[in-house]
Amino acid sequence: MNKKQNIITSKSFKEAKENRFKKFFRYDNSVYWLNYYSKKLINNDTDREKLYAKIIFNHVKENAKVVDMACGIGFLLKEMKNTGLNPEGVDLFPDMISSAEEYLKDSSIKIHNCDILSVPYTKDSIDCISLISILEHFPLIEVVQNIIPKMTSILRPGGYLFVHCPVKTPASSLTRYFRKYITRDLPPWAIDDDADITHKIWLAPNEYIKLVERQGYDLINFDSRLTRSNMKPKFLSSIMSALERLSTSSDPILKRSYKDESDQVKYIKLIKREMALTCYFLFKKK
């Protein structure tokens, strides 16, 4: 327990249901995540991590210090290292730490075993922070009052905050309805289109943008994903995969800023955002 924030961790699913919307409660869902990462590893499924590493590299200097919060077994860390960045990881749970150390054993990447609110970094010391599928695992009040302010404090002025999260859109709402009332494989407590007990908020893309911008950031870039690895129903997955392939002209790597993109690319991105299941956002600290 961290007395300063009263952080409590638990492996009990019952406790997770009882405390899921309480600040500073952490449910150790390592079994689920180790299974998830194992499947990605078997399928060599690291395209998303490669893409995100390139986007970050495109906006920061070479060898920039980048911290991946709740890094899991380190897929993004490895890709950032390969890209030319100087990454470090943070994770709270021992099973994730040991798996990351094994996966990254041939690298010099440092992993810190601590909570996101007690990271060992000083004020204005980090060039970029990545929050990949992280914010949805905290209550909104904790995101606003604790998580984003903590990230802001350790980011240098002009530093970057890279956020990826599932989003509430017509497409994801349809998926939730289908799973909840047709296939009935979504439990009653699910707040979004995913049966993950650790999910605590489900916001629209614009809501995430406003949430972060209010804390002293400018939106630099964003894009949306119309599919995800555990997407259901399958017929919707096929339709969205086709649309995803048609939207490849919106290449986020080649542009420095969303403001500098052509009107055509901006239009494609805005349409995709309304149909997205997940989005990424790149913010710059003022």
C-alpha atoms as a PDB file:
ATOM      1  CA  MET A   1       0.000   0.000   0.000  1.00  0.00           C
ATOM      2  CA  ASN A   2       1.139   3.516  -0.807  1.00  0.00           C
ATOM      3  CA  LYS A   3       0.032   5.613   2.164  1.00  0.00           C
ATOM      4  CA  LYS A   4       0.211   8.862   0.252  1.00  0.00           C
ATOM      5  CA  GLN A   5      -2.449   7.782  -2.247  1.00  0.00           C
ATOM      6  CA  ASN A   6      -3.908   4.868  -0.262  1.00  0.00           C
ATOM      7  CA  ILE A   7      -3.364   2.590  -3.252  1.00  0.00           C
ATOM      8  CA  ILE A   8      -4.720  -0.917  -2.709  1.00  0.00           C
ATOM      9  CA  THR A   9      -4.112  -3.826  -5.082  1.00  0.00           C
ATOM     10  CA  SER A  10      -6.187  -6.976  -5.263  1.00  0.00           C
ATOM     11  CA  LYS A  11      -6.446 -10.175  -7.313  1.00  0.00           C
ATOM     12  CA  SER A  12     -10.024 -10.799  -6.202  1.00  0.00           C
ATOM     13  CA  PHE A  13     -12.614 -10.447  -8.965  1.00  0.00           C
ATOM     14  CA  LYS A  14     -15.266  -9.867  -6.320  1.00  0.00           C
ATOM     15  CA  GLU A  15     -13.294  -6.985  -4.888  1.00  0.00           C
ATOM     16  CA  ALA A  16     -12.760  -5.644  -8.391  1.00  0.00           C
ATOM     17  CA  LYS A  17     -16.520  -5.460  -8.946  1.00  0.00           C
ATOM     18  CA  GLU A  18     -17.102  -3.855  -5.549  1.00  0.00           C
ATOM     19  CA  ASN A  19     -14.331  -1.269  -5.848  1.00  0.00           C
ATOM     20  CA  ARG A  20     -13.989  -0.695  -9.588  1.00  0.00           C
ATOM     21  CA  PHE A  21     -15.043   2.982  -9.484  1.00  0.00           C
ATOM     22  CA  LYS A  22     -13.068   3.893  -6.364  1.00  0.00           C
ATOM     23  CA  LYS A  23      -9.961   6.021  -6.596  1.00  0.00           C
ATOM     24  CA  PHE A  24      -6.604   4.300  -6.003  1.00  0.00           C
ATOM     25  CA  PHE A  25      -7.965   0.752  -6.287  1.00  0.00           C
ATOM     26  CA  ARG A  26      -5.930  -1.495  -8.607  1.00  0.00           C
ATOM     27  CA  TYR A  27      -7.109  -4.933  -9.740  1.00  0.00           C
ATOM     28  CA  ASP A  28      -4.282  -7.260 -10.738  1.00  0.00           C
ATOM     29  CA  ASN A  29      -5.552  -8.660 -14.040  1.00  0.00           C
ATOM     30  CA  SER A  30      -2.165 -10.134 -14.994  1.00  0.00           C
ATOM     31  CA  VAL A  31      -3.561 -13.549 -15.965  1.00  0.00           C
ATOM     32  CA  TYR A  32      -5.745 -11.948 -18.639  1.00  0.00           C
ATOM     33  CA  TRP A  33      -2.981  -9.698 -19.932  1.00  0.00           C
ATOM     34  CA  LEU A  34      -0.335 -12.417 -20.048  1.00  0.00           C
ATOM     35  CA  ASN A  35      -2.724 -14.520 -22.153  1.00  0.00           C
ATOM     36  CA  TYR A  36      -3.426 -11.520 -24.389  1.00  0.00           C
ATOM     37  CA  TYR A  37       0.265 -10.745 -24.934  1.00  0.00           C
ATOM     38  CA  SER A  38       1.088 -14.425 -25.493  1.00  0.00           C
ATOM     39  CA  LYS A  39      -1.375 -14.558 -28.392  1.00  0.00           C
ATOM     40  CA  LYS A  40       0.111 -11.388 -29.866  1.00  0.00           C
ATOM     41  CA  LEU A  41       3.579 -12.879 -29.536  1.00  0.00           C
ATOM     42  CA  ILE A  42       2.572 -16.146 -31.232  1.00  0.00           C
ATOM     43  CA  ASN A  43       0.979 -14.210 -34.099  1.00  0.00           C
ATOM     44  CA  ASN A  44       3.879 -11.742 -34.265  1.00  0.00           C
ATOM     45  CA  ASP A  45       1.218  -9.064 -33.853  1.00  0.00           C
ATOM     46  CA  THR A  46       3.226  -5.922 -33.099  1.00  0.00           C
ATOM     47  CA  ASP A  47       2.123  -3.700 -35.984  1.00  0.00           C
ATOM     48  CA  ARG A  48       0.355  -1.284 -33.643  1.00  0.00           C
ATOM     49  CA  GLU A  49       3.424  -0.946 -31.444  1.00  0.00           C
ATOM     50  CA  LYS A  50       5.667  -0.375 -34.484  1.00  0.00           C
ATOM     51  CA  LEU A  51       3.312   2.337 -35.731  1.00  0.00           C
ATOM     52  CA  TYR A  52       3.120   4.095 -32.369  1.00  0.00           C
ATOM     53  CA  ALA A  53       6.893   3.999 -31.925  1.00  0.00           C
ATOM     54  CA  LYS A  54       7.322   5.673 -35.327  1.00  0.00           C
ATOM     55  CA  ILE A  55       4.733   8.345 -34.562  1.00  0.00           C
ATOM     56  CA  ILE A  56       6.456   9.213 -31.291  1.00  0.00           C
ATOM     57  CA  PHE A  57       9.907   9.198 -32.919  1.00  0.00           C
ATOM     58  CA  ASN A  58       8.623  11.540 -35.624  1.00  0.00           C
ATOM     59  CA  HIS A  59       7.840  14.207 -33.011  1.00  0.00           C
ATOM     60  CA  VAL A  60      10.715  13.950 -30.529  1.00  0.00           C
ATOM     61  CA  LYS A  61      14.471  14.108 -30.856  1.00  0.00           C
ATOM     62  CA  GLU A  62      16.540  10.957 -31.351  1.00  0.00           C
ATOM     63  CA  ASN A  63      17.340   9.184 -28.072  1.00  0.00           C
ATOM     64  CA  ALA A  64      14.539  11.100 -26.349  1.00  0.00           C
ATOM     65  CA  LYS A  65      13.513   9.760 -22.953  1.00  0.00           C
ATOM     66  CA  VAL A  66      10.105   8.097 -23.299  1.00  0.00           C
ATOM     67  CA  VAL A  67       8.224   6.341 -20.507  1.00  0.00           C
ATOM     68  CA  ASP A  68       5.572   3.717 -21.257  1.00  0.00           C
ATOM     69  CA  MET A  69       3.148   3.566 -18.337  1.00  0.00           C
ATOM     70  CA  ALA A  70       1.706   0.129 -17.491  1.00  0.00           C
ATOM     71  CA  CYS A  71       4.070  -1.329 -20.088  1.00  0.00           C
ATOM     72  CA  GLY A  72       2.911  -4.951 -19.885  1.00  0.00           C
ATOM     73  CA  ILE A  73       5.555  -7.312 -21.234  1.00  0.00           C
ATOM     74  CA  GLY A  74       7.207  -4.523 -23.197  1.00  0.00           C
ATOM     75  CA  PHE A  75       6.120  -4.748 -26.858  1.00  0.00           C
ATOM     76  CA  LEU A  76       6.050  -0.969 -27.271  1.00  0.00           C
ATOM     77  CA  LEU A  77       9.280  -0.535 -25.311  1.00  0.00           C
ATOM     78  CA  LYS A  78      11.123  -2.850 -27.686  1.00  0.00           C
ATOM     79  CA  GLU A  79       9.798  -1.088 -30.781  1.00  0.00           C
ATOM     80  CA  MET A  80      10.669   2.333 -29.352  1.00  0.00           C
ATOM     81  CA  LYS A  81      14.202   1.127 -28.638  1.00  0.00           C
ATOM     82  CA  ASN A  82      14.507  -0.214 -32.196  1.00  0.00           C
ATOM     83  CA  THR A  83      13.293   3.119 -33.547  1.00  0.00           C
ATOM     84  CA  GLY A  84      16.031   5.093 -31.804  1.00  0.00           C
ATOM     85  CA  LEU A  85      14.342   6.276 -28.625  1.00  0.00           C
ATOM     86  CA  ASN A  86      15.489   5.871 -25.021  1.00  0.00           C
ATOM     87  CA  PRO A  87      12.501   4.123 -23.409  1.00  0.00           C
ATOM     88  CA  GLU A  88      11.745   3.043 -19.856  1.00  0.00           C
ATOM     89  CA  GLY A  89       8.748   1.107 -18.591  1.00  0.00           C
ATOM     90  CA  VAL A  90       6.537   1.242 -15.524  1.00  0.00           C
ATOM     91  CA  ASP A  91       4.235  -1.500 -14.248  1.00  0.00           C
ATOM     92  CA  LEU A  92       2.719  -2.197 -10.854  1.00  0.00           C
ATOM     93  CA  PHE A  93       2.269  -5.962 -10.978  1.00  0.00           C
ATOM     94  CA  PRO A  94       5.161  -8.441 -10.381  1.00  0.00           C
ATOM     95  CA  ASP A  95       4.016 -10.978 -12.991  1.00  0.00           C
ATOM     96  CA  MET A  96       4.067  -8.301 -15.671  1.00  0.00           C
ATOM     97  CA  ILE A  97       7.477  -7.061 -14.555  1.00  0.00           C
ATOM     98  CA  SER A  98       9.058 -10.524 -14.666  1.00  0.00           C
ATOM     99  CA  SER A  99       7.530 -11.204 -18.106  1.00  0.00           C
ATOM    100  CA  ALA A 100       8.808  -7.859 -19.404  1.00  0.00           C
ATOM    101  CA  GLU A 101      12.288  -8.541 -18.074  1.00  0.00           C
ATOM    102  CA  GLU A 102      12.298 -11.896 -19.880  1.00  0.00           C
ATOM    103  CA  TYR A 103      11.003 -10.418 -23.131  1.00  0.00           C
ATOM    104  CA  LEU A 104      13.493  -7.530 -23.002  1.00  0.00           C
ATOM    105  CA  LYS A 105      16.435  -9.468 -21.554  1.00  0.00           C
ATOM    106  CA  ASP A 106      18.754  -8.685 -24.477  1.00  0.00           C
ATOM    107  CA  SER A 107      18.154  -4.950 -24.192  1.00  0.00           C
ATOM    108  CA  SER A 108      19.186  -2.304 -21.694  1.00  0.00           C
ATOM    109  CA  ILE A 109      15.625  -1.080 -21.139  1.00  0.00           C
ATOM    110  CA  LYS A 110      14.864  -0.264 -17.519  1.00  0.00           C
ATOM    111  CA  ILE A 111      11.556  -1.342 -15.943  1.00  0.00           C
ATOM    112  CA  HIS A 112      10.264   0.258 -12.741  1.00  0.00           C
ATOM    113  CA  ASN A 113       7.966  -1.698 -10.432  1.00  0.00           C
ATOM    114  CA  CYS A 114       5.639   0.998  -9.099  1.00  0.00           C
ATOM    115  CA  ASP A 115       2.245   2.612  -9.475  1.00  0.00           C
ATOM    116  CA  ILE A 116       1.664   5.269 -12.105  1.00  0.00           C
ATOM    117  CA  LEU A 117       1.282   7.877  -9.345  1.00  0.00           C
ATOM    118  CA  SER A 118       4.601   7.048  -7.663  1.00  0.00           C
ATOM    119  CA  VAL A 119       6.936   6.928 -10.657  1.00  0.00           C
ATOM    120  CA  PRO A 120      10.591   7.792  -9.877  1.00  0.00           C
ATOM    121  CA  TYR A 121      10.858  10.817 -12.147  1.00  0.00           C
ATOM    122  CA  THR A 122      11.482  14.429 -11.252  1.00  0.00           C
ATOM    123  CA  LYS A 123       9.565  17.462 -12.497  1.00  0.00           C
ATOM    124  CA  ASP A 124      10.013  18.338 -16.187  1.00  0.00           C
ATOM    125  CA  SER A 125      12.336  15.376 -16.829  1.00  0.00           C
ATOM    126  CA  ILE A 126      10.581  13.284 -19.513  1.00  0.00           C
ATOM    127  CA  ASP A 127      10.326  14.002 -23.249  1.00  0.00           C
ATOM    128  CA  CYS A 128       7.287  11.814 -23.924  1.00  0.00           C
ATOM    129  CA  ILE A 129       4.882   9.598 -21.977  1.00  0.00           C
ATOM    130  CA  SER A 130       2.796   6.861 -23.597  1.00  0.00           C
ATOM    131  CA  LEU A 131      -0.535   5.827 -22.094  1.00  0.00           C
ATOM    132  CA  ILE A 132      -1.588   2.882 -24.258  1.00  0.00           C
ATOM    133  CA  SER A 133      -4.977   1.465 -23.216  1.00  0.00           C
ATOM    134  CA  ILE A 134      -4.500   2.947 -19.751  1.00  0.00           C
ATOM    135  CA  LEU A 135      -6.886   5.827 -19.018  1.00  0.00           C
ATOM    136  CA  GLU A 136     -10.007   3.676 -19.332  1.00  0.00           C
ATOM    137  CA  HIS A 137      -8.772   1.609 -16.368  1.00  0.00           C
ATOM    138  CA  PHE A 138      -9.175   4.480 -13.903  1.00  0.00           C
ATOM    139  CA  PRO A 139     -12.287   6.293 -12.614  1.00  0.00           C
ATOM    140  CA  LEU A 140     -12.812   9.606 -14.390  1.00  0.00           C
ATOM    141  CA  ILE A 141     -12.246  11.577 -11.190  1.00  0.00           C
ATOM    142  CA  GLU A 142      -8.829   9.941 -10.742  1.00  0.00           C
ATOM    143  CA  VAL A 143      -7.867  10.589 -14.359  1.00  0.00           C
ATOM    144  CA  VAL A 144      -8.734  14.280 -14.006  1.00  0.00           C
ATOM    145  CA  GLN A 145      -7.455  14.910 -10.494  1.00  0.00           C
ATOM    146  CA  ASN A 146      -4.444  12.594 -10.294  1.00  0.00           C
ATOM    147  CA  ILE A 147      -3.304  10.759 -13.431  1.00  0.00           C
ATOM    148  CA  ILE A 148      -3.080  13.587 -15.982  1.00  0.00           C
ATOM    149  CA  PRO A 149      -1.683  16.100 -13.437  1.00  0.00           C
ATOM    150  CA  LYS A 150       1.031  13.589 -12.454  1.00  0.00           C
ATOM    151  CA  MET A 151       1.980  13.019 -16.089  1.00  0.00           C
ATOM    152  CA  THR A 152       2.031  16.778 -16.677  1.00  0.00           C
ATOM    153  CA  SER A 153       4.346  17.350 -13.737  1.00  0.00           C
ATOM    154  CA  ILE A 154       7.070  15.016 -15.005  1.00  0.00           C
ATOM    155  CA  LEU A 155       6.794  15.999 -18.684  1.00  0.00           C
ATOM    156  CA  ARG A 156       9.128  18.779 -19.774  1.00  0.00           C
ATOM    157  CA  PRO A 157       7.557  21.915 -21.285  1.00  0.00           C
ATOM    158  CA  GLY A 158       6.889  21.055 -24.918  1.00  0.00           C
ATOM    159  CA  GLY A 159       6.913  17.342 -24.104  1.00  0.00           C
ATOM    160  CA  TYR A 160       4.429  14.901 -25.601  1.00  0.00           C
ATOM    161  CA  LEU A 161       1.634  12.778 -24.168  1.00  0.00           C
ATOM    162  CA  PHE A 162       0.617   9.862 -26.396  1.00  0.00           C
ATOM    163  CA  VAL A 163      -2.783   8.383 -25.519  1.00  0.00           C
ATOM    164  CA  HIS A 164      -4.552   5.339 -26.949  1.00  0.00           C
ATOM    165  CA  CYS A 165      -7.950   4.192 -25.681  1.00  0.00           C
ATOM    166  CA  PRO A 166     -11.232   2.553 -26.705  1.00  0.00           C
ATOM    167  CA  VAL A 167     -13.847   5.184 -27.547  1.00  0.00           C
ATOM    168  CA  LYS A 168     -17.606   5.579 -27.549  1.00  0.00           C
ATOM    169  CA  THR A 169     -18.912   6.036 -31.101  1.00  0.00           C
ATOM    170  CA  PRO A 170     -21.879   4.802 -33.164  1.00  0.00           C
ATOM    171  CA  ALA A 171     -19.804   1.762 -34.210  1.00  0.00           C
ATOM    172  CA  SER A 172     -18.696   0.779 -30.709  1.00  0.00           C
ATOM    173  CA  SER A 173     -22.196   1.438 -29.339  1.00  0.00           C
ATOM    174  CA  LEU A 174     -23.615  -0.909 -31.989  1.00  0.00           C
ATOM    175  CA  THR A 175     -21.025  -3.515 -31.030  1.00  0.00           C
ATOM    176  CA  ARG A 176     -22.002  -3.185 -27.358  1.00  0.00           C
ATOM    177  CA  TYR A 177     -25.706  -3.556 -28.196  1.00  0.00           C
ATOM    178  CA  PHE A 178     -25.062  -6.614 -30.366  1.00  0.00           C
ATOM    179  CA  ARG A 179     -22.938  -8.334 -27.703  1.00  0.00           C
ATOM    180  CA  LYS A 180     -25.267  -7.440 -24.846  1.00  0.00           C
ATOM    181  CA  TYR A 181     -28.631  -8.324 -26.397  1.00  0.00           C
ATOM    182  CA  ILE A 182     -27.965 -10.610 -29.383  1.00  0.00           C
ATOM    183  CA  THR A 183     -24.956 -12.818 -28.657  1.00  0.00           C
ATOM    184  CA  ARG A 184     -25.282 -12.144 -24.907  1.00  0.00           C
ATOM    185  CA  ASP A 185     -21.553 -12.608 -24.294  1.00  0.00           C
ATOM    186  CA  LEU A 186     -21.193  -9.218 -22.631  1.00  0.00           C
ATOM    187  CA  PRO A 187     -21.815  -9.258 -18.862  1.00  0.00           C
ATOM    188  CA  PRO A 188     -24.296  -6.824 -17.261  1.00  0.00           C
ATOM    189  CA  TRP A 189     -21.527  -4.837 -15.565  1.00  0.00           C
ATOM    190  CA  ALA A 190     -19.702  -4.057 -18.838  1.00  0.00           C
ATOM    191  CA  ILE A 191     -19.683  -0.290 -19.398  1.00  0.00           C
ATOM    192  CA  ASP A 192     -18.396  -0.459 -22.971  1.00  0.00           C
ATOM    193  CA  ASP A 193     -18.134  -2.981 -25.818  1.00  0.00           C
ATOM    194  CA  ASP A 194     -15.507  -5.051 -23.982  1.00  0.00           C
ATOM    195  CA  ALA A 195     -15.954  -7.554 -21.138  1.00  0.00           C
ATOM    196  CA  ASP A 196     -13.100  -6.161 -19.067  1.00  0.00           C
ATOM    197  CA  ILE A 197     -13.885  -5.586 -15.398  1.00  0.00           C
ATOM    198  CA  THR A 198     -11.046  -3.073 -15.153  1.00  0.00           C
ATOM    199  CA  HIS A 199     -12.647  -0.681 -17.652  1.00  0.00           C
ATOM    200  CA  LYS A 200     -14.144   2.241 -15.747  1.00  0.00           C
ATOM    201  CA  ILE A 201     -14.766   5.015 -18.281  1.00  0.00           C
ATOM    202  CA  TRP A 202     -16.012   5.090 -21.859  1.00  0.00           C
ATOM    203  CA  LEU A 203     -15.700   8.467 -23.525  1.00  0.00           C
ATOM    204  CA  ALA A 204     -16.201   9.789 -27.031  1.00  0.00           C
ATOM    205  CA  PRO A 205     -13.061  10.946 -28.894  1.00  0.00           C
ATOM    206  CA  ASN A 206     -13.925  14.631 -28.431  1.00  0.00           C
ATOM    207  CA  GLU A 207     -14.407  14.072 -24.696  1.00  0.00           C
ATOM    208  CA  TYR A 208     -10.891  12.643 -24.377  1.00  0.00           C
ATOM    209  CA  ILE A 209      -9.495  15.552 -26.368  1.00  0.00           C
ATOM    210  CA  LYS A 210     -11.218  18.156 -24.187  1.00  0.00           C
ATOM    211  CA  LEU A 211     -10.260  16.323 -20.995  1.00  0.00           C
ATOM    212  CA  VAL A 212      -6.539  16.489 -21.800  1.00  0.00           C
ATOM    213  CA  GLU A 213      -6.532  19.912 -23.446  1.00  0.00           C
ATOM    214  CA  ARG A 214      -8.064  21.459 -20.321  1.00  0.00           C
ATOM    215  CA  GLN A 215      -4.979  20.369 -18.390  1.00  0.00           C
ATOM    216  CA  GLY A 216      -2.569  22.405 -20.482  1.00  0.00           C
ATOM    217  CA  TYR A 217      -2.070  20.548 -23.769  1.00  0.00           C
ATOM    218  CA  ASP A 218      -2.536  21.113 -27.488  1.00  0.00           C
ATOM    219  CA  LEU A 219      -3.755  18.306 -29.742  1.00  0.00           C
ATOM    220  CA  ILE A 220      -1.008  17.668 -32.300  1.00  0.00           C
ATOM    221  CA  ASN A 221      -2.227  14.561 -34.074  1.00  0.00           C
ATOM    222  CA  PHE A 222      -4.834  11.821 -33.884  1.00  0.00           C
ATOM    223  CA  ASP A 223      -6.215   8.912 -35.857  1.00  0.00           C
ATOM    224  CA  SER A 224      -8.736   6.162 -35.347  1.00  0.00           C
ATOM    225  CA  ARG A 225      -8.879   2.396 -35.628  1.00  0.00           C
ATOM    226  CA  LEU A 226     -12.050   0.799 -36.968  1.00  0.00           C
ATOM    227  CA  THR A 227     -11.081  -2.680 -35.763  1.00  0.00           C
ATOM    228  CA  ARG A 228      -9.415  -4.302 -32.765  1.00  0.00           C
ATOM    229  CA  SER A 229      -8.093  -7.728 -31.875  1.00  0.00           C
ATOM    230  CA  ASN A 230     -11.135  -8.881 -29.858  1.00  0.00           C
ATOM    231  CA  MET A 231     -13.752  -7.217 -32.029  1.00  0.00           C
ATOM    232  CA  LYS A 232     -17.261  -8.655 -32.188  1.00  0.00           C
ATOM    233  CA  PRO A 233     -19.543  -9.308 -34.070  1.00  0.00           C
ATOM    234  CA  LYS A 234     -17.487 -10.824 -36.890  1.00  0.00           C
ATOM    235  CA  PHE A 235     -19.629  -9.443 -39.718  1.00  0.00           C
ATOM    236  CA  LEU A 236     -19.035  -5.918 -38.428  1.00  0.00           C
ATOM    237  CA  SER A 237     -15.327  -6.693 -38.154  1.00  0.00           C
ATOM    238  CA  SER A 238     -15.234  -7.608 -41.862  1.00  0.00           C
ATOM    239  CA  ILE A 239     -16.997  -4.409 -42.904  1.00  0.00           C
ATOM    240  CA  MET A 240     -14.773  -2.216 -40.746  1.00  0.00           C
ATOM    241  CA  SER A 241     -11.605  -3.973 -41.924  1.00  0.00           C
ATOM    242  CA  ALA A 242     -12.522  -3.075 -45.507  1.00  0.00           C
ATOM    243  CA  LEU A 243     -13.105   0.551 -44.527  1.00  0.00           C
ATOM    244  CA  GLU A 244      -9.808   0.568 -42.651  1.00  0.00           C
ATOM    245  CA  ARG A 245      -7.950  -0.502 -45.801  1.00  0.00           C
ATOM    246  CA  LEU A 246      -9.677   2.223 -47.821  1.00  0.00           C
ATOM    247  CA  SER A 247      -8.523   4.889 -45.351  1.00  0.00           C
ATOM    248  CA  THR A 248      -4.800   4.179 -45.504  1.00  0.00           C
ATOM    249  CA  SER A 249      -4.197   7.491 -47.292  1.00  0.00           C
ATOM    250  CA  SER A 250      -4.413   9.124 -43.872  1.00  0.00           C
ATOM    251  CA  ASP A 251      -0.800   8.343 -42.970  1.00  0.00           C
ATOM    252  CA  PRO A 252       0.022   9.738 -39.484  1.00  0.00           C
ATOM    253  CA  ILE A 253       3.755   9.108 -39.774  1.00  0.00           C
ATOM    254  CA  LEU A 254       4.427  11.460 -42.661  1.00  0.00           C
ATOM    255  CA  LYS A 255       2.890  14.567 -41.081  1.00  0.00           C
ATOM    256  CA  ARG A 256       4.300  16.660 -38.272  1.00  0.00           C
ATOM    257  CA  SER A 257       0.953  17.998 -37.142  1.00  0.00           C
ATOM    258  CA  TYR A 258      -2.743  17.509 -37.760  1.00  0.00           C
ATOM    259  CA  LYS A 259      -2.978  21.253 -38.467  1.00  0.00           C
ATOM    260  CA  ASP A 260      -0.568  20.866 -41.408  1.00  0.00           C
ATOM    261  CA  GLU A 261      -2.413  17.986 -43.075  1.00  0.00           C
ATOM    262  CA  SER A 262      -4.410  18.388 -46.268  1.00  0.00           C
ATOM    263  CA  ASP A 263      -8.143  18.965 -46.056  1.00  0.00           C
ATOM    264  CA  GLN A 264      -8.706  15.515 -47.589  1.00  0.00           C
ATOM    265  CA  VAL A 265      -6.702  13.756 -44.876  1.00  0.00           C
ATOM    266  CA  LYS A 266      -8.421  15.784 -42.153  1.00  0.00           C
ATOM    267  CA  TYR A 267     -11.816  14.839 -43.583  1.00  0.00           C
ATOM    268  CA  ILE A 268     -10.929  11.134 -43.696  1.00  0.00           C
ATOM    269  CA  LYS A 269      -9.733  11.276 -40.095  1.00  0.00           C
ATOM    270  CA  LEU A 270     -12.899  13.003 -38.905  1.00  0.00           C
ATOM    271  CA  ILE A 271     -15.109  10.415 -40.607  1.00  0.00           C
ATOM    272  CA  LYS A 272     -13.060   7.572 -39.144  1.00  0.00           C
ATOM    273  CA  ARG A 273     -13.284   9.154 -35.698  1.00  0.00           C
ATOM    274  CA  GLU A 274     -17.077   8.893 -35.777  1.00  0.00           C
ATOM    275  CA  MET A 275     -16.839   5.162 -36.630  1.00  0.00           C
ATOM    276  CA  ALA A 276     -13.869   4.254 -34.471  1.00  0.00           C
ATOM    277  CA  LEU A 277     -13.518   1.536 -31.871  1.00  0.00           C
ATOM    278  CA  THR A 278     -10.230   2.960 -30.622  1.00  0.00           C
ATOM    279  CA  CYS A 279      -8.323   6.210 -31.139  1.00  0.00           C
ATOM    280  CA  TYR A 280      -4.857   7.510 -30.494  1.00  0.00           C
ATOM    281  CA  PHE A 281      -4.106  11.127 -29.653  1.00  0.00           C
ATOM    282  CA  LEU A 282      -0.783  12.937 -29.527  1.00  0.00           C
ATOM    283  CA  PHE A 283      -0.803  15.966 -27.230  1.00  0.00           C
ATOM    284  CA  LYS A 284       1.926  18.553 -26.629  1.00  0.00           C
ATOM    285  CA  LYS A 285       2.407  20.160 -23.242  1.00  0.00           C
ATOM    286  CA  LYS A 286       2.185  23.948 -23.391  1.00  0.00           C
END
